[in-house]
Amino acid sequence: RLERWGATSWMGAIESKVQAILGEDDKDRRMTLFNEACSIFKQFENVESTSILEMALWKRKLKSGWKNDDGGGTNKRQALDRGECRCVCGSNAVIPNVASFLGIR
């Protein structure tokens, strides 16, 4: 799965943990290393999932082309640039709530 994400640094961390597990003779220590590897992998998945959610919100905002008019509370159809869409896509409000709901810290 990690290759699909293009996360080579994450692959290195996981490969290192797997090598440590394979090189360990003590069963209890192997189990501890395995649990650590699973925890690290879960953390990587959480980071990646929030990034994907942010990109989806950003894309939705780009496609909508709607911009809030701060003056009278109405919306206007305007061409939004990528940077502006990223700032006003709502990810700063959505992602913390979704992460909290999913138990992601």
PDB file of N, CA and C in Angstrom:
ATOM      1  N   ARG A   1       0.809  -1.200   0.000  1.00  0.00           N
ATOM      2  CA  ARG A   1       0.000   0.000   0.000  1.00  0.00           C
ATOM      3  C   ARG A   1       0.851   1.262   0.000  1.00  0.00           C
ATOM      4  N   LEU A   2       1.985   1.213   0.637  1.00  0.00           N
ATOM      5  CA  LEU A   2       2.796   2.422   0.763  1.00  0.00           C
ATOM      6  C   LEU A   2       3.334   2.908  -0.572  1.00  0.00           C
ATOM      7  N   GLU A   3       3.655   1.998  -1.487  1.00  0.00           N
ATOM      8  CA  GLU A   3       4.160   2.419  -2.791  1.00  0.00           C
ATOM      9  C   GLU A   3       3.112   3.228  -3.545  1.00  0.00           C
ATOM     10  N   ARG A   4       1.862   2.851  -3.409  1.00  0.00           N
ATOM     11  CA  ARG A   4       0.776   3.575  -4.060  1.00  0.00           C
ATOM     12  C   ARG A   4       0.726   5.018  -3.590  1.00  0.00           C
ATOM     13  N   TRP A   5       1.040   5.250  -2.341  1.00  0.00           N
ATOM     14  CA  TRP A   5       0.988   6.592  -1.783  1.00  0.00           C
ATOM     15  C   TRP A   5       2.224   7.400  -2.135  1.00  0.00           C
ATOM     16  N   GLY A   6       3.274   6.736  -2.599  1.00  0.00           N
ATOM     17  CA  GLY A   6       4.522   7.435  -2.879  1.00  0.00           C
ATOM     18  C   GLY A   6       5.246   7.835  -1.610  1.00  0.00           C
ATOM     19  N   ALA A   7       5.063   7.070  -0.566  1.00  0.00           N
ATOM     20  CA  ALA A   7       5.630   7.406   0.743  1.00  0.00           C
ATOM     21  C   ALA A   7       6.890   6.588   1.006  1.00  0.00           C
ATOM     22  N   THR A   8       7.958   6.931   0.320  1.00  0.00           N
ATOM     23  CA  THR A   8       9.178   6.145   0.451  1.00  0.00           C
ATOM     24  C   THR A   8       9.812   6.260   1.831  1.00  0.00           C
ATOM     25  N   SER A   9       9.707   7.413   2.478  1.00  0.00           N
ATOM     26  CA  SER A   9      10.274   7.536   3.826  1.00  0.00           C
ATOM     27  C   SER A   9       9.528   6.634   4.801  1.00  0.00           C
ATOM     28  N   TRP A  10       8.226   6.499   4.601  1.00  0.00           N
ATOM     29  CA  TRP A  10       7.433   5.613   5.448  1.00  0.00           C
ATOM     30  C   TRP A  10       7.808   4.162   5.185  1.00  0.00           C
ATOM     31  N   MET A  11       8.056   3.858   3.925  1.00  0.00           N
ATOM     32  CA  MET A  11       8.458   2.493   3.588  1.00  0.00           C
ATOM     33  C   MET A  11       9.763   2.135   4.288  1.00  0.00           C
ATOM     34  N   GLY A  12      10.675   3.080   4.345  1.00  0.00           N
ATOM     35  CA  GLY A  12      11.946   2.840   5.024  1.00  0.00           C
ATOM     36  C   GLY A  12      11.754   2.552   6.502  1.00  0.00           C
ATOM     37  N   ALA A  13      10.878   3.295   7.154  1.00  0.00           N
ATOM     38  CA  ALA A  13      10.621   3.085   8.579  1.00  0.00           C
ATOM     39  C   ALA A  13      10.007   1.715   8.831  1.00  0.00           C
ATOM     40  N   ILE A  14       9.046   1.333   8.004  1.00  0.00           N
ATOM     41  CA  ILE A  14       8.392   0.032   8.162  1.00  0.00           C
ATOM     42  C   ILE A  14       9.367  -1.097   7.841  1.00  0.00           C
ATOM     43  N   GLU A  15      10.150  -0.946   6.767  1.00  0.00           N
ATOM     44  CA  GLU A  15      11.132  -1.973   6.417  1.00  0.00           C
ATOM     45  C   GLU A  15      12.142  -2.175   7.538  1.00  0.00           C
ATOM     46  N   SER A  16      12.546  -1.095   8.162  1.00  0.00           N
ATOM     47  CA  SER A  16      13.475  -1.177   9.288  1.00  0.00           C
ATOM     48  C   SER A  16      12.872  -1.979  10.433  1.00  0.00           C
ATOM     49  N   LYS A  17      11.612  -1.722  10.746  1.00  0.00           N
ATOM     50  CA  LYS A  17      10.931  -2.463  11.815  1.00  0.00           C
ATOM     51  C   LYS A  17      10.799  -3.942  11.458  1.00  0.00           C
ATOM     52  N   VAL A  18      10.456  -4.235  10.202  1.00  0.00           N
ATOM     53  CA  VAL A  18      10.308  -5.629   9.772  1.00  0.00           C
ATOM     54  C   VAL A  18      11.646  -6.356   9.879  1.00  0.00           C
ATOM     55  N   GLN A  19      12.729  -5.693   9.476  1.00  0.00           N
ATOM     56  CA  GLN A  19      14.053  -6.304   9.591  1.00  0.00           C
ATOM     57  C   GLN A  19      14.401  -6.586  11.049  1.00  0.00           C
ATOM     58  N   ALA A  20      14.032  -5.670  11.929  1.00  0.00           N
ATOM     59  CA  ALA A  20      14.284  -5.877  13.365  1.00  0.00           C
ATOM     60  C   ALA A  20      13.477  -7.067  13.878  1.00  0.00           C
ATOM     61  N   ILE A  21      12.249  -7.206  13.410  1.00  0.00           N
ATOM     62  CA  ILE A  21      11.409  -8.342  13.831  1.00  0.00           C
ATOM     63  C   ILE A  21      12.019  -9.651  13.349  1.00  0.00           C
ATOM     64  N   LEU A  22      12.426  -9.674  12.086  1.00  0.00           N
ATOM     65  CA  LEU A  22      12.989 -10.901  11.518  1.00  0.00           C
ATOM     66  C   LEU A  22      14.315 -11.288  12.167  1.00  0.00           C
ATOM     67  N   GLY A  23      15.066 -10.315  12.628  1.00  0.00           N
ATOM     68  CA  GLY A  23      16.357 -10.586  13.240  1.00  0.00           C
ATOM     69  C   GLY A  23      16.294 -10.926  14.715  1.00  0.00           C
ATOM     70  N   GLU A  24      15.138 -10.823  15.302  1.00  0.00           N
ATOM     71  CA  GLU A  24      14.986 -11.057  16.743  1.00  0.00           C
ATOM     72  C   GLU A  24      14.651 -12.523  17.010  1.00  0.00           C
ATOM     73  N   ASP A  25      15.355 -13.129  17.988  1.00  0.00           N
ATOM     74  CA  ASP A  25      15.122 -14.523  18.343  1.00  0.00           C
ATOM     75  C   ASP A  25      14.116 -14.682  19.477  1.00  0.00           C
ATOM     76  N   ASP A  26      14.036 -13.688  20.325  1.00  0.00           N
ATOM     77  CA  ASP A  26      13.135 -13.748  21.477  1.00  0.00           C
ATOM     78  C   ASP A  26      11.691 -13.490  21.035  1.00  0.00           C
ATOM     79  N   LYS A  27      10.811 -14.442  21.345  1.00  0.00           N
ATOM     80  CA  LYS A  27       9.411 -14.345  20.912  1.00  0.00           C
ATOM     81  C   LYS A  27       8.710 -13.121  21.486  1.00  0.00           C
ATOM     82  N   ASP A  28       8.923 -12.834  22.756  1.00  0.00           N
ATOM     83  CA  ASP A  28       8.270 -11.681  23.387  1.00  0.00           C
ATOM     84  C   ASP A  28       8.760 -10.366  22.775  1.00  0.00           C
ATOM     85  N   ARG A  29      10.050 -10.291  22.514  1.00  0.00           N
ATOM     86  CA  ARG A  29      10.606  -9.081  21.895  1.00  0.00           C
ATOM     87  C   ARG A  29      10.081  -8.910  20.475  1.00  0.00           C
ATOM     88  N   ARG A  30       9.953 -10.032  19.730  1.00  0.00           N
ATOM     89  CA  ARG A  30       9.380  -9.968  18.377  1.00  0.00           C
ATOM     90  C   ARG A  30       7.952  -9.440  18.414  1.00  0.00           C
ATOM     91  N   MET A  31       7.198  -9.902  19.396  1.00  0.00           N
ATOM     92  CA  MET A  31       5.812  -9.451  19.521  1.00  0.00           C
ATOM     93  C   MET A  31       5.753  -7.955  19.837  1.00  0.00           C
ATOM     94  N   THR A  32       6.658  -7.490  20.687  1.00  0.00           N
ATOM     95  CA  THR A  32       6.723  -6.066  21.007  1.00  0.00           C
ATOM     96  C   THR A  32       7.066  -5.255  19.756  1.00  0.00           C
ATOM     97  N   LEU A  33       8.062  -5.719  19.002  1.00  0.00           N
ATOM     98  CA  LEU A  33       8.445  -5.028  17.768  1.00  0.00           C
ATOM     99  C   LEU A  33       7.307  -5.049  16.750  1.00  0.00           C
ATOM    100  N   PHE A  34       6.596  -6.161  16.675  1.00  0.00           N
ATOM    101  CA  PHE A  34       5.457  -6.249  15.765  1.00  0.00           C
ATOM    102  C   PHE A  34       4.380  -5.237  16.146  1.00  0.00           C
ATOM    103  N   ASN A  35       4.069  -5.133  17.423  1.00  0.00           N
ATOM    104  CA  ASN A  35       3.066  -4.166  17.878  1.00  0.00           C
ATOM    105  C   ASN A  35       3.511  -2.729  17.600  1.00  0.00           C
ATOM    106  N   GLU A  36       4.804  -2.464  17.756  1.00  0.00           N
ATOM    107  CA  GLU A  36       5.331  -1.135  17.438  1.00  0.00           C
ATOM    108  C   GLU A  36       5.182  -0.845  15.944  1.00  0.00           C
ATOM    109  N   ALA A  37       5.482  -1.832  15.107  1.00  0.00           N
ATOM    110  CA  ALA A  37       5.351  -1.653  13.658  1.00  0.00           C
ATOM    111  C   ALA A  37       3.895  -1.388  13.276  1.00  0.00           C
ATOM    112  N   CYS A  38       2.978  -2.112  13.885  1.00  0.00           N
ATOM    113  CA  CYS A  38       1.548  -1.881  13.601  1.00  0.00           C
ATOM    114  C   CYS A  38       1.124  -0.487  14.030  1.00  0.00           C
ATOM    115  N   SER A  39       1.630  -0.029  15.157  1.00  0.00           N
ATOM    116  CA  SER A  39       1.304   1.308  15.643  1.00  0.00           C
ATOM    117  C   SER A  39       1.842   2.380  14.699  1.00  0.00           C
ATOM    118  N   ILE A  40       3.079   2.197  14.233  1.00  0.00           N
ATOM    119  CA  ILE A  40       3.679   3.144  13.292  1.00  0.00           C
ATOM    120  C   ILE A  40       2.883   3.164  11.990  1.00  0.00           C
ATOM    121  N   PHE A  41       2.517   1.978  11.512  1.00  0.00           N
ATOM    122  CA  PHE A  41       1.756   1.903  10.267  1.00  0.00           C
ATOM    123  C   PHE A  41       0.403   2.587  10.409  1.00  0.00           C
ATOM    124  N   LYS A  42      -0.246   2.397  11.526  1.00  0.00           N
ATOM    125  CA  LYS A  42      -1.533   3.045  11.778  1.00  0.00           C
ATOM    126  C   LYS A  42      -1.374   4.567  11.777  1.00  0.00           C
ATOM    127  N   GLN A  43      -0.303   5.057  12.382  1.00  0.00           N
ATOM    128  CA  GLN A  43      -0.038   6.503  12.389  1.00  0.00           C
ATOM    129  C   GLN A  43       0.142   7.016  10.965  1.00  0.00           C
ATOM    130  N   PHE A  44       0.893   6.289  10.145  1.00  0.00           N
ATOM    131  CA  PHE A  44       1.098   6.683   8.758  1.00  0.00           C
ATOM    132  C   PHE A  44      -0.228   6.706   7.998  1.00  0.00           C
ATOM    133  N   GLU A  45      -1.069   5.709   8.231  1.00  0.00           N
ATOM    134  CA  GLU A  45      -2.381   5.678   7.568  1.00  0.00           C
ATOM    135  C   GLU A  45      -3.239   6.861   7.987  1.00  0.00           C
ATOM    136  N   ASN A  46      -3.190   7.229   9.255  1.00  0.00           N
ATOM    137  CA  ASN A  46      -3.969   8.374   9.736  1.00  0.00           C
ATOM    138  C   ASN A  46      -3.525   9.670   9.072  1.00  0.00           C
ATOM    139  N   VAL A  47      -2.229   9.864   8.983  1.00  0.00           N
ATOM    140  CA  VAL A  47      -1.700  11.067   8.331  1.00  0.00           C
ATOM    141  C   VAL A  47      -2.133  11.095   6.869  1.00  0.00           C
ATOM    142  N   GLU A  48      -1.999   9.961   6.206  1.00  0.00           N
ATOM    143  CA  GLU A  48      -2.352   9.895   4.792  1.00  0.00           C
ATOM    144  C   GLU A  48      -3.852  10.107   4.584  1.00  0.00           C
ATOM    145  N   SER A  49      -4.674   9.533   5.447  1.00  0.00           N
ATOM    146  CA  SER A  49      -6.122   9.687   5.271  1.00  0.00           C
ATOM    147  C   SER A  49      -6.562  11.133   5.456  1.00  0.00           C
ATOM    148  N   THR A  50      -5.960  11.852   6.399  1.00  0.00           N
ATOM    149  CA  THR A  50      -6.329  13.258   6.559  1.00  0.00           C
ATOM    150  C   THR A  50      -5.841  14.084   5.368  1.00  0.00           C
ATOM    151  N   SER A  51      -4.711  13.705   4.794  1.00  0.00           N
ATOM    152  CA  SER A  51      -4.221  14.404   3.595  1.00  0.00           C
ATOM    153  C   SER A  51      -5.160  14.186   2.416  1.00  0.00           C
ATOM    154  N   ILE A  52      -5.645  12.966   2.272  1.00  0.00           N
ATOM    155  CA  ILE A  52      -6.583  12.658   1.183  1.00  0.00           C
ATOM    156  C   ILE A  52      -7.885  13.416   1.383  1.00  0.00           C
ATOM    157  N   LEU A  53      -8.351  13.489   2.614  1.00  0.00           N
ATOM    158  CA  LEU A  53      -9.573  14.251   2.903  1.00  0.00           C
ATOM    159  C   LEU A  53      -9.373  15.722   2.563  1.00  0.00           C
ATOM    160  N   GLU A  54      -8.221  16.280   2.911  1.00  0.00           N
ATOM    161  CA  GLU A  54      -7.947  17.681   2.592  1.00  0.00           C
ATOM    162  C   GLU A  54      -7.948  17.902   1.073  1.00  0.00           C
ATOM    163  N   MET A  55      -7.334  16.982   0.347  1.00  0.00           N
ATOM    164  CA  MET A  55      -7.303  17.122  -1.114  1.00  0.00           C
ATOM    165  C   MET A  55      -8.707  17.019  -1.712  1.00  0.00           C
ATOM    166  N   ALA A  56      -9.536  16.148  -1.159  1.00  0.00           N
ATOM    167  CA  ALA A  56     -10.905  16.017  -1.655  1.00  0.00           C
ATOM    168  C   ALA A  56     -11.700  17.298  -1.414  1.00  0.00           C
ATOM    169  N   LEU A  57     -11.538  17.899  -0.245  1.00  0.00           N
ATOM    170  CA  LEU A  57     -12.220  19.166   0.049  1.00  0.00           C
ATOM    171  C   LEU A  57     -11.717  20.280  -0.862  1.00  0.00           C
ATOM    172  N   TRP A  58     -10.435  20.293  -1.091  1.00  0.00           N
ATOM    173  CA  TRP A  58      -9.821  21.288  -1.968  1.00  0.00           C
ATOM    174  C   TRP A  58     -10.338  21.128  -3.393  1.00  0.00           C
ATOM    175  N   LYS A  59     -10.395  19.899  -3.864  1.00  0.00           N
ATOM    176  CA  LYS A  59     -10.890  19.636  -5.217  1.00  0.00           C
ATOM    177  C   LYS A  59     -12.356  20.053  -5.353  1.00  0.00           C
ATOM    178  N   ARG A  60     -13.142  19.747  -4.340  1.00  0.00           N
ATOM    179  CA  ARG A  60     -14.561  20.129  -4.370  1.00  0.00           C
ATOM    180  C   ARG A  60     -14.709  21.645  -4.483  1.00  0.00           C
ATOM    181  N   LYS A  61     -13.893  22.358  -3.723  1.00  0.00           N
ATOM    182  CA  LYS A  61     -13.949  23.820  -3.763  1.00  0.00           C
ATOM    183  C   LYS A  61     -13.496  24.337  -5.134  1.00  0.00           C
ATOM    184  N   LEU A  62     -12.458  23.737  -5.699  1.00  0.00           N
ATOM    185  CA  LEU A  62     -11.989  24.142  -7.023  1.00  0.00           C
ATOM    186  C   LEU A  62     -13.075  23.943  -8.070  1.00  0.00           C
ATOM    187  N   LYS A  63     -13.759  22.806  -7.999  1.00  0.00           N
ATOM    188  CA  LYS A  63     -14.791  22.513  -8.993  1.00  0.00           C
ATOM    189  C   LYS A  63     -16.032  23.370  -8.813  1.00  0.00           C
ATOM    190  N   SER A  64     -16.314  23.766  -7.579  1.00  0.00           N
ATOM    191  CA  SER A  64     -17.534  24.532  -7.340  1.00  0.00           C
ATOM    192  C   SER A  64     -17.437  25.936  -7.914  1.00  0.00           C
ATOM    193  N   GLY A  65     -16.257  26.556  -7.777  1.00  0.00           N
ATOM    194  CA  GLY A  65     -16.074  27.909  -8.290  1.00  0.00           C
ATOM    195  C   GLY A  65     -16.855  28.957  -7.520  1.00  0.00           C
ATOM    196  N   TRP A  66     -17.395  28.613  -6.366  1.00  0.00           N
ATOM    197  CA  TRP A  66     -18.164  29.575  -5.576  1.00  0.00           C
ATOM    198  C   TRP A  66     -17.283  30.187  -4.515  1.00  0.00           C
ATOM    199  N   LYS A  67     -17.451  31.465  -4.348  1.00  0.00           N
ATOM    200  CA  LYS A  67     -16.695  32.200  -3.350  1.00  0.00           C
ATOM    201  C   LYS A  67     -17.672  32.959  -2.473  1.00  0.00           C
ATOM    202  N   ASN A  68     -17.464  32.894  -1.167  1.00  0.00           N
ATOM    203  CA  ASN A  68     -18.319  33.651  -0.253  1.00  0.00           C
ATOM    204  C   ASN A  68     -18.023  35.135  -0.394  1.00  0.00           C
ATOM    205  N   ASP A  69     -19.066  35.913  -0.521  1.00  0.00           N
ATOM    206  CA  ASP A  69     -18.925  37.365  -0.575  1.00  0.00           C
ATOM    207  C   ASP A  69     -19.022  37.875   0.856  1.00  0.00           C
ATOM    208  N   ASP A  70     -17.932  38.398   1.376  1.00  0.00           N
ATOM    209  CA  ASP A  70     -17.904  38.836   2.773  1.00  0.00           C
ATOM    210  C   ASP A  70     -18.810  40.032   3.042  1.00  0.00           C
ATOM    211  N   GLY A  71     -19.155  40.783   2.026  1.00  0.00           N
ATOM    212  CA  GLY A  71     -19.950  41.990   2.220  1.00  0.00           C
ATOM    213  C   GLY A  71     -21.380  41.733   2.652  1.00  0.00           C
ATOM    214  N   GLY A  72     -22.159  41.059   1.812  1.00  0.00           N
ATOM    215  CA  GLY A  72     -23.575  40.925   2.111  1.00  0.00           C
ATOM    216  C   GLY A  72     -24.028  39.520   2.437  1.00  0.00           C
ATOM    217  N   GLY A  73     -23.106  38.584   2.575  1.00  0.00           N
ATOM    218  CA  GLY A  73     -23.485  37.222   2.908  1.00  0.00           C
ATOM    219  C   GLY A  73     -23.964  36.420   1.712  1.00  0.00           C
ATOM    220  N   THR A  74     -23.838  36.954   0.522  1.00  0.00           N
ATOM    221  CA  THR A  74     -24.247  36.211  -0.667  1.00  0.00           C
ATOM    222  C   THR A  74     -23.043  35.509  -1.276  1.00  0.00           C
ATOM    223  N   ASN A  75     -23.324  34.560  -2.141  1.00  0.00           N
ATOM    224  CA  ASN A  75     -22.251  33.841  -2.827  1.00  0.00           C
ATOM    225  C   ASN A  75     -22.168  34.309  -4.271  1.00  0.00           C
ATOM    226  N   LYS A  76     -20.975  34.335  -4.791  1.00  0.00           N
ATOM    227  CA  LYS A  76     -20.747  34.733  -6.173  1.00  0.00           C
ATOM    228  C   LYS A  76     -20.001  33.621  -6.893  1.00  0.00           C
ATOM    229  N   ARG A  77     -20.316  33.466  -8.160  1.00  0.00           N
ATOM    230  CA  ARG A  77     -19.573  32.527  -8.998  1.00  0.00           C
ATOM    231  C   ARG A  77     -18.343  33.259  -9.520  1.00  0.00           C
ATOM    232  N   GLN A  78     -17.172  32.827  -9.093  1.00  0.00           N
ATOM    233  CA  GLN A  78     -15.926  33.473  -9.493  1.00  0.00           C
ATOM    234  C   GLN A  78     -14.873  32.410  -9.759  1.00  0.00           C
ATOM    235  N   ALA A  79     -13.912  32.768 -10.563  1.00  0.00           N
ATOM    236  CA  ALA A  79     -12.775  31.890 -10.789  1.00  0.00           C
ATOM    237  C   ALA A  79     -11.864  31.965  -9.566  1.00  0.00           C
ATOM    238  N   LEU A  80     -11.670  30.851  -8.929  1.00  0.00           N
ATOM    239  CA  LEU A  80     -10.808  30.806  -7.755  1.00  0.00           C
ATOM    240  C   LEU A  80      -9.480  30.166  -8.134  1.00  0.00           C
ATOM    241  N   ASP A  81      -8.407  30.707  -7.619  1.00  0.00           N
ATOM    242  CA  ASP A  81      -7.122  30.069  -7.892  1.00  0.00           C
ATOM    243  C   ASP A  81      -6.891  28.948  -6.881  1.00  0.00           C
ATOM    244  N   ARG A  82      -5.934  28.099  -7.194  1.00  0.00           N
ATOM    245  CA  ARG A  82      -5.683  26.902  -6.386  1.00  0.00           C
ATOM    246  C   ARG A  82      -5.330  27.239  -4.941  1.00  0.00           C
ATOM    247  N   GLY A  83      -4.481  28.229  -4.754  1.00  0.00           N
ATOM    248  CA  GLY A  83      -4.067  28.598  -3.409  1.00  0.00           C
ATOM    249  C   GLY A  83      -5.225  29.113  -2.572  1.00  0.00           C
ATOM    250  N   GLU A  84      -6.066  29.919  -3.200  1.00  0.00           N
ATOM    251  CA  GLU A  84      -7.224  30.460  -2.495  1.00  0.00           C
ATOM    252  C   GLU A  84      -8.194  29.343  -2.124  1.00  0.00           C
ATOM    253  N   CYS A  85      -8.416  28.414  -3.054  1.00  0.00           N
ATOM    254  CA  CYS A  85      -9.319  27.297  -2.772  1.00  0.00           C
ATOM    255  C   CYS A  85      -8.821  26.466  -1.602  1.00  0.00           C
ATOM    256  N   ARG A  86      -7.522  26.297  -1.545  1.00  0.00           N
ATOM    257  CA  ARG A  86      -6.958  25.502  -0.454  1.00  0.00           C
ATOM    258  C   ARG A  86      -7.218  26.182   0.885  1.00  0.00           C
ATOM    259  N   CYS A  87      -7.163  27.503   0.910  1.00  0.00           N
ATOM    260  CA  CYS A  87      -7.375  28.238   2.157  1.00  0.00           C
ATOM    261  C   CYS A  87      -8.842  28.284   2.572  1.00  0.00           C
ATOM    262  N   VAL A  88      -9.757  28.281   1.600  1.00  0.00           N
ATOM    263  CA  VAL A  88     -11.175  28.454   1.920  1.00  0.00           C
ATOM    264  C   VAL A  88     -12.004  27.189   1.685  1.00  0.00           C
ATOM    265  N   CYS A  89     -11.357  26.040   1.584  1.00  0.00           N
ATOM    266  CA  CYS A  89     -12.094  24.809   1.289  1.00  0.00           C
ATOM    267  C   CYS A  89     -12.805  24.238   2.513  1.00  0.00           C
ATOM    268  N   GLY A  90     -12.488  24.750   3.687  1.00  0.00           N
ATOM    269  CA  GLY A  90     -13.157  24.291   4.899  1.00  0.00           C
ATOM    270  C   GLY A  90     -12.436  23.160   5.612  1.00  0.00           C
ATOM    271  N   SER A  91     -11.264  22.791   5.141  1.00  0.00           N
ATOM    272  CA  SER A  91     -10.550  21.671   5.753  1.00  0.00           C
ATOM    273  C   SER A  91     -10.156  21.953   7.200  1.00  0.00           C
ATOM    274  N   ASN A  92      -9.916  23.228   7.521  1.00  0.00           N
ATOM    275  CA  ASN A  92      -9.543  23.564   8.893  1.00  0.00           C
ATOM    276  C   ASN A  92     -10.677  23.293   9.877  1.00  0.00           C
ATOM    277  N   ALA A  93     -11.910  23.238   9.399  1.00  0.00           N
ATOM    278  CA  ALA A  93     -13.047  22.912  10.264  1.00  0.00           C
ATOM    279  C   ALA A  93     -13.435  21.441  10.150  1.00  0.00           C
ATOM    280  N   VAL A  94     -13.360  20.887   8.953  1.00  0.00           N
ATOM    281  CA  VAL A  94     -13.825  19.522   8.711  1.00  0.00           C
ATOM    282  C   VAL A  94     -12.855  18.481   9.261  1.00  0.00           C
ATOM    283  N   ILE A  95     -11.577  18.618   8.949  1.00  0.00           N
ATOM    284  CA  ILE A  95     -10.605  17.582   9.308  1.00  0.00           C
ATOM    285  C   ILE A  95     -10.517  17.340  10.814  1.00  0.00           C
ATOM    286  N   PRO A  96     -10.427  18.366  11.662  1.00  0.00           N
ATOM    287  CA  PRO A  96     -10.382  18.077  13.103  1.00  0.00           C
ATOM    288  C   PRO A  96     -11.623  17.332  13.605  1.00  0.00           C
ATOM    289  N   ASN A  97     -12.792  17.677  13.056  1.00  0.00           N
ATOM    290  CA  ASN A  97     -14.014  16.989  13.485  1.00  0.00           C
ATOM    291  C   ASN A  97     -14.055  15.539  13.021  1.00  0.00           C
ATOM    292  N   VAL A  98     -13.648  15.300  11.783  1.00  0.00           N
ATOM    293  CA  VAL A  98     -13.617  13.927  11.263  1.00  0.00           C
ATOM    294  C   VAL A  98     -12.570  13.121  12.021  1.00  0.00           C
ATOM    295  N   ALA A  99     -11.396  13.706  12.243  1.00  0.00           N
ATOM    296  CA  ALA A  99     -10.331  13.014  12.974  1.00  0.00           C
ATOM    297  C   ALA A  99     -10.787  12.660  14.393  1.00  0.00           C
ATOM    298  N   SER A 100     -11.459  13.586  15.028  1.00  0.00           N
ATOM    299  CA  SER A 100     -11.978  13.331  16.368  1.00  0.00           C
ATOM    300  C   SER A 100     -12.997  12.198  16.361  1.00  0.00           C
ATOM    301  N   PHE A 101     -13.885  12.224  15.378  1.00  0.00           N
ATOM    302  CA  PHE A 101     -14.909  11.182  15.251  1.00  0.00           C
ATOM    303  C   PHE A 101     -14.266   9.815  15.040  1.00  0.00           C
ATOM    304  N   LEU A 102     -13.207   9.755  14.236  1.00  0.00           N
ATOM    305  CA  LEU A 102     -12.540   8.493  13.936  1.00  0.00           C
ATOM    306  C   LEU A 102     -11.526   8.091  15.015  1.00  0.00           C
ATOM    307  N   GLY A 103     -11.310   8.966  15.976  1.00  0.00           N
ATOM    308  CA  GLY A 103     -10.364   8.653  17.047  1.00  0.00           C
ATOM    309  C   GLY A 103      -8.923   8.843  16.636  1.00  0.00           C
ATOM    310  N   ILE A 104      -8.682   9.696  15.641  1.00  0.00           N
ATOM    311  CA  ILE A 104      -7.326   9.982  15.176  1.00  0.00           C
ATOM    312  C   ILE A 104      -6.800  11.156  15.972  1.00  0.00           C
ATOM    313  N   ARG A 105      -5.629  11.003  16.530  1.00  0.00           N
ATOM    314  CA  ARG A 105      -5.034  12.091  17.313  1.00  0.00           C
ATOM    315  C   ARG A 105      -3.934  12.739  16.556  1.00  0.00           C
TER     316      ARG A 105
END
